[in-house]
Amino acid sequence: MKTTINGIRYDTIGATFIGSNSSGSNPDSANWYTETLYCTPRSRRYFLAGKGGAATKYRNGGNGGKIIPIATGEAIGWIRDNMGDEYVKYFEGE
């Protein structure tokens, strides 16, 4: 999946995979979503790539999904909330 937002290109191919999260197993549910956190290789910009139902932040992405850029602080929180102690290895020294 790839897109350009505010002149910055985000592409899941070539970006560093950090982790994934999902809200359940029923993709027909309005609250269902699946998302993956990535980091761009050169500029170290973080983004979520995901798909989801009508009640989620991915609702307008259609079947192809949606990319949402996030700040470093948001990425730290996402990793802490979804990956537990694994987040330390990504942000040591920041």
N, C-alpha and C. Protein backbone atom coordinates (compact mmCIF):
# COMPACT_ATOMS: atom_id res chain seq x y z
N MET A 1 0.86 -1.16 0.00
CA MET A 1 0.00 0.00 0.00
C MET A 1 0.91 1.23 0.00
N LYS A 2 0.54 2.24 -0.79
CA LYS A 2 1.33 3.45 -0.80
C LYS A 2 0.45 4.65 -1.08
N THR A 3 0.92 5.80 -0.60
CA THR A 3 0.21 7.06 -0.81
C THR A 3 1.18 8.20 -0.57
N THR A 4 0.78 9.39 -1.00
CA THR A 4 1.53 10.61 -0.70
C THR A 4 0.62 11.52 0.11
N ILE A 5 1.12 11.97 1.26
CA ILE A 5 0.36 12.85 2.15
C ILE A 5 1.24 14.05 2.45
N ASN A 6 0.73 15.24 2.15
CA ASN A 6 1.48 16.48 2.36
C ASN A 6 2.86 16.43 1.73
N GLY A 7 2.94 15.86 0.54
CA GLY A 7 4.19 15.80 -0.19
C GLY A 7 5.16 14.72 0.26
N ILE A 8 4.77 13.91 1.21
CA ILE A 8 5.63 12.84 1.73
C ILE A 8 5.07 11.49 1.28
N ARG A 9 5.94 10.67 0.70
CA ARG A 9 5.51 9.36 0.21
C ARG A 9 5.63 8.32 1.32
N TYR A 10 4.56 7.56 1.51
CA TYR A 10 4.51 6.46 2.46
C TYR A 10 4.24 5.19 1.66
N ASP A 11 5.05 4.17 1.88
CA ASP A 11 4.91 2.93 1.13
C ASP A 11 5.25 1.77 2.06
N THR A 12 4.33 0.84 2.18
CA THR A 12 4.56 -0.30 3.07
C THR A 12 5.68 -1.21 2.56
N ILE A 13 5.90 -1.20 1.24
CA ILE A 13 7.01 -1.97 0.68
C ILE A 13 8.25 -1.10 0.80
N GLY A 14 9.23 -1.58 1.48
CA GLY A 14 10.45 -0.82 1.69
C GLY A 14 10.51 -0.15 3.05
N ALA A 15 9.36 0.04 3.70
CA ALA A 15 9.34 0.59 5.05
C ALA A 15 9.67 -0.52 6.05
N THR A 16 10.12 -0.13 7.21
CA THR A 16 10.45 -1.10 8.26
C THR A 16 9.18 -1.50 9.01
N PHE A 17 8.86 -2.78 9.00
CA PHE A 17 7.73 -3.32 9.76
C PHE A 17 8.09 -3.28 11.24
N ILE A 18 7.19 -2.74 12.05
CA ILE A 18 7.42 -2.71 13.49
C ILE A 18 6.49 -3.67 14.22
N GLY A 19 5.21 -3.64 13.92
CA GLY A 19 4.28 -4.55 14.57
C GLY A 19 2.87 -4.38 14.04
N SER A 20 2.00 -5.33 14.40
CA SER A 20 0.61 -5.32 13.95
C SER A 20 -0.34 -5.48 15.11
N ASN A 21 -1.57 -5.06 14.89
CA ASN A 21 -2.62 -5.15 15.90
C ASN A 21 -3.95 -5.31 15.17
N SER A 22 -4.89 -6.00 15.79
CA SER A 22 -6.24 -6.07 15.23
C SER A 22 -7.25 -6.11 16.35
N SER A 23 -8.50 -5.80 16.01
CA SER A 23 -9.54 -5.72 17.03
C SER A 23 -10.44 -6.94 17.09
N GLY A 24 -10.16 -7.94 16.34
CA GLY A 24 -11.02 -9.12 16.38
C GLY A 24 -10.95 -9.89 15.09
N SER A 25 -11.91 -10.79 14.89
CA SER A 25 -11.84 -11.67 13.73
C SER A 25 -13.00 -11.51 12.76
N ASN A 26 -13.92 -10.57 13.01
CA ASN A 26 -15.07 -10.43 12.13
C ASN A 26 -14.96 -9.16 11.28
N PRO A 27 -14.44 -9.27 10.06
CA PRO A 27 -14.28 -8.08 9.23
C PRO A 27 -15.59 -7.42 8.79
N ASP A 28 -16.71 -8.05 9.07
CA ASP A 28 -18.01 -7.44 8.75
C ASP A 28 -18.49 -6.51 9.86
N SER A 29 -17.81 -6.50 11.00
CA SER A 29 -18.20 -5.66 12.12
C SER A 29 -17.76 -4.21 11.87
N ALA A 30 -18.59 -3.26 12.29
CA ALA A 30 -18.26 -1.84 12.14
C ALA A 30 -17.04 -1.46 12.96
N ASN A 31 -16.75 -2.21 14.02
CA ASN A 31 -15.63 -1.90 14.91
C ASN A 31 -14.36 -2.68 14.60
N TRP A 32 -14.42 -3.57 13.64
CA TRP A 32 -13.25 -4.39 13.31
C TRP A 32 -12.20 -3.54 12.60
N TYR A 33 -10.94 -3.79 12.95
CA TYR A 33 -9.84 -3.19 12.20
C TYR A 33 -8.59 -4.04 12.34
N THR A 34 -7.68 -3.84 11.43
CA THR A 34 -6.34 -4.40 11.52
C THR A 34 -5.39 -3.29 11.09
N GLU A 35 -4.28 -3.15 11.80
CA GLU A 35 -3.34 -2.10 11.48
C GLU A 35 -1.92 -2.56 11.71
N THR A 36 -1.00 -1.95 10.97
CA THR A 36 0.41 -2.27 11.08
C THR A 36 1.19 -0.97 11.18
N LEU A 37 2.13 -0.93 12.09
CA LEU A 37 2.99 0.24 12.26
C LEU A 37 4.27 0.04 11.46
N TYR A 38 4.63 1.05 10.69
CA TYR A 38 5.84 1.06 9.88
C TYR A 38 6.65 2.32 10.17
N CYS A 39 7.91 2.27 9.76
CA CYS A 39 8.79 3.43 9.82
C CYS A 39 9.49 3.56 8.47
N THR A 40 9.50 4.78 7.91
CA THR A 40 10.18 4.98 6.63
C THR A 40 11.69 4.85 6.85
N PRO A 41 12.41 4.28 5.90
CA PRO A 41 13.82 3.98 6.12
C PRO A 41 14.73 5.20 6.21
N ARG A 42 14.51 6.22 5.41
CA ARG A 42 15.43 7.36 5.41
C ARG A 42 15.06 8.43 6.42
N SER A 43 13.82 8.85 6.40
CA SER A 43 13.43 9.98 7.24
C SER A 43 12.87 9.58 8.60
N ARG A 44 12.76 8.29 8.84
CA ARG A 44 12.22 7.77 10.11
C ARG A 44 10.88 8.38 10.48
N ARG A 45 10.00 8.42 9.52
CA ARG A 45 8.63 8.86 9.78
C ARG A 45 7.78 7.61 10.01
N TYR A 46 6.93 7.69 11.01
CA TYR A 46 6.10 6.56 11.38
C TYR A 46 4.72 6.69 10.76
N PHE A 47 4.15 5.53 10.41
CA PHE A 47 2.79 5.54 9.88
C PHE A 47 2.11 4.21 10.15
N LEU A 48 0.79 4.29 10.25
CA LEU A 48 -0.05 3.11 10.39
C LEU A 48 -0.70 2.83 9.05
N ALA A 49 -0.71 1.58 8.65
CA ALA A 49 -1.42 1.13 7.46
C ALA A 49 -2.48 0.16 7.93
N GLY A 50 -3.74 0.41 7.58
CA GLY A 50 -4.77 -0.47 8.10
C GLY A 50 -6.04 -0.49 7.27
N LYS A 51 -6.90 -1.38 7.68
CA LYS A 51 -8.23 -1.55 7.11
C LYS A 51 -9.19 -1.64 8.28
N GLY A 52 -10.44 -1.20 8.06
CA GLY A 52 -11.38 -1.30 9.17
C GLY A 52 -12.80 -1.00 8.77
N GLY A 53 -13.67 -1.26 9.73
CA GLY A 53 -15.10 -1.05 9.53
C GLY A 53 -15.50 0.40 9.65
N ALA A 54 -16.79 0.65 9.52
CA ALA A 54 -17.35 2.00 9.48
C ALA A 54 -17.13 2.81 10.75
N ALA A 55 -16.91 2.16 11.87
CA ALA A 55 -16.74 2.87 13.14
C ALA A 55 -15.26 3.05 13.52
N THR A 56 -14.35 2.85 12.57
CA THR A 56 -12.93 2.95 12.86
C THR A 56 -12.28 4.10 12.09
N LYS A 57 -11.05 4.43 12.44
CA LYS A 57 -10.32 5.49 11.75
C LYS A 57 -9.94 5.09 10.33
N TYR A 58 -10.11 3.83 9.98
CA TYR A 58 -9.80 3.34 8.63
C TYR A 58 -11.02 3.28 7.72
N ARG A 59 -12.15 3.76 8.16
CA ARG A 59 -13.43 3.60 7.48
C ARG A 59 -13.47 4.10 6.04
N ASN A 60 -12.72 5.11 5.69
CA ASN A 60 -12.78 5.65 4.34
C ASN A 60 -11.68 5.10 3.44
N GLY A 61 -10.98 4.08 3.90
CA GLY A 61 -9.89 3.52 3.11
C GLY A 61 -10.33 2.47 2.11
N GLY A 62 -11.57 2.02 2.21
CA GLY A 62 -12.05 0.98 1.29
C GLY A 62 -11.30 -0.32 1.46
N ASN A 63 -11.42 -1.20 0.48
CA ASN A 63 -10.77 -2.50 0.55
C ASN A 63 -9.25 -2.40 0.49
N GLY A 64 -8.75 -1.33 -0.11
CA GLY A 64 -7.31 -1.17 -0.22
C GLY A 64 -6.65 -0.72 1.06
N GLY A 65 -7.42 -0.20 1.98
CA GLY A 65 -6.87 0.26 3.24
C GLY A 65 -6.53 1.74 3.23
N LYS A 66 -5.92 2.17 4.31
CA LYS A 66 -5.62 3.58 4.50
C LYS A 66 -4.30 3.72 5.24
N ILE A 67 -3.54 4.75 4.91
CA ILE A 67 -2.29 5.05 5.60
C ILE A 67 -2.51 6.31 6.42
N ILE A 68 -2.07 6.27 7.68
CA ILE A 68 -2.19 7.40 8.59
C ILE A 68 -0.81 7.71 9.18
N PRO A 69 -0.21 8.86 8.83
CA PRO A 69 1.06 9.23 9.45
C PRO A 69 0.85 9.54 10.93
N ILE A 70 1.83 9.19 11.76
CA ILE A 70 1.75 9.50 13.18
C ILE A 70 3.10 10.03 13.66
N ALA A 71 3.06 10.83 14.72
CA ALA A 71 4.26 11.40 15.31
C ALA A 71 5.04 10.34 16.07
N THR A 72 6.31 10.62 16.33
CA THR A 72 7.15 9.67 17.07
C THR A 72 6.54 9.32 18.42
N GLY A 73 6.01 10.32 19.13
CA GLY A 73 5.38 10.06 20.43
C GLY A 73 4.19 9.13 20.33
N GLU A 74 3.40 9.29 19.27
CA GLU A 74 2.27 8.40 19.06
C GLU A 74 2.76 6.98 18.74
N ALA A 75 3.85 6.88 17.98
CA ALA A 75 4.42 5.56 17.66
C ALA A 75 4.91 4.88 18.93
N ILE A 76 5.55 5.64 19.81
CA ILE A 76 6.01 5.08 21.09
C ILE A 76 4.82 4.55 21.88
N GLY A 77 3.76 5.33 21.96
CA GLY A 77 2.57 4.89 22.68
C GLY A 77 1.94 3.67 22.05
N TRP A 78 1.88 3.63 20.70
CA TRP A 78 1.30 2.48 20.01
C TRP A 78 2.09 1.22 20.32
N ILE A 79 3.41 1.32 20.26
CA ILE A 79 4.25 0.15 20.53
C ILE A 79 4.10 -0.29 21.98
N ARG A 80 4.11 0.65 22.91
CA ARG A 80 3.95 0.33 24.32
C ARG A 80 2.60 -0.37 24.56
N ASP A 81 1.54 0.17 23.94
CA ASP A 81 0.20 -0.39 24.15
C ASP A 81 -0.02 -1.73 23.46
N ASN A 82 0.65 -1.94 22.33
CA ASN A 82 0.38 -3.13 21.52
C ASN A 82 1.47 -4.18 21.53
N MET A 83 2.67 -3.81 21.97
CA MET A 83 3.79 -4.75 21.92
C MET A 83 4.49 -4.92 23.26
N GLY A 84 4.03 -4.25 24.29
CA GLY A 84 4.63 -4.39 25.61
C GLY A 84 6.08 -3.94 25.66
N ASP A 85 6.91 -4.73 26.27
CA ASP A 85 8.31 -4.37 26.48
C ASP A 85 9.13 -4.31 25.20
N GLU A 86 8.60 -4.81 24.10
CA GLU A 86 9.31 -4.76 22.82
C GLU A 86 9.62 -3.33 22.39
N TYR A 87 8.83 -2.36 22.89
CA TYR A 87 9.02 -0.99 22.43
C TYR A 87 10.39 -0.43 22.80
N VAL A 88 11.00 -0.93 23.82
CA VAL A 88 12.28 -0.41 24.28
C VAL A 88 13.33 -0.49 23.18
N LYS A 89 13.37 -1.57 22.42
CA LYS A 89 14.42 -1.73 21.41
C LYS A 89 14.28 -0.73 20.27
N TYR A 90 13.10 -0.16 20.06
CA TYR A 90 12.91 0.80 18.99
C TYR A 90 13.27 2.23 19.39
N PHE A 91 13.22 2.53 20.67
CA PHE A 91 13.37 3.90 21.09
C PHE A 91 14.48 4.15 22.11
N GLU A 92 15.37 3.22 22.29
CA GLU A 92 16.49 3.46 23.19
C GLU A 92 17.29 4.62 22.64
N GLY A 93 17.58 5.57 23.50
CA GLY A 93 18.39 6.71 23.10
C GLY A 93 17.60 7.86 22.49
N GLU A 94 16.29 7.73 22.32
CA GLU A 94 15.51 8.85 21.75
C GLU A 94 14.96 9.70 22.85
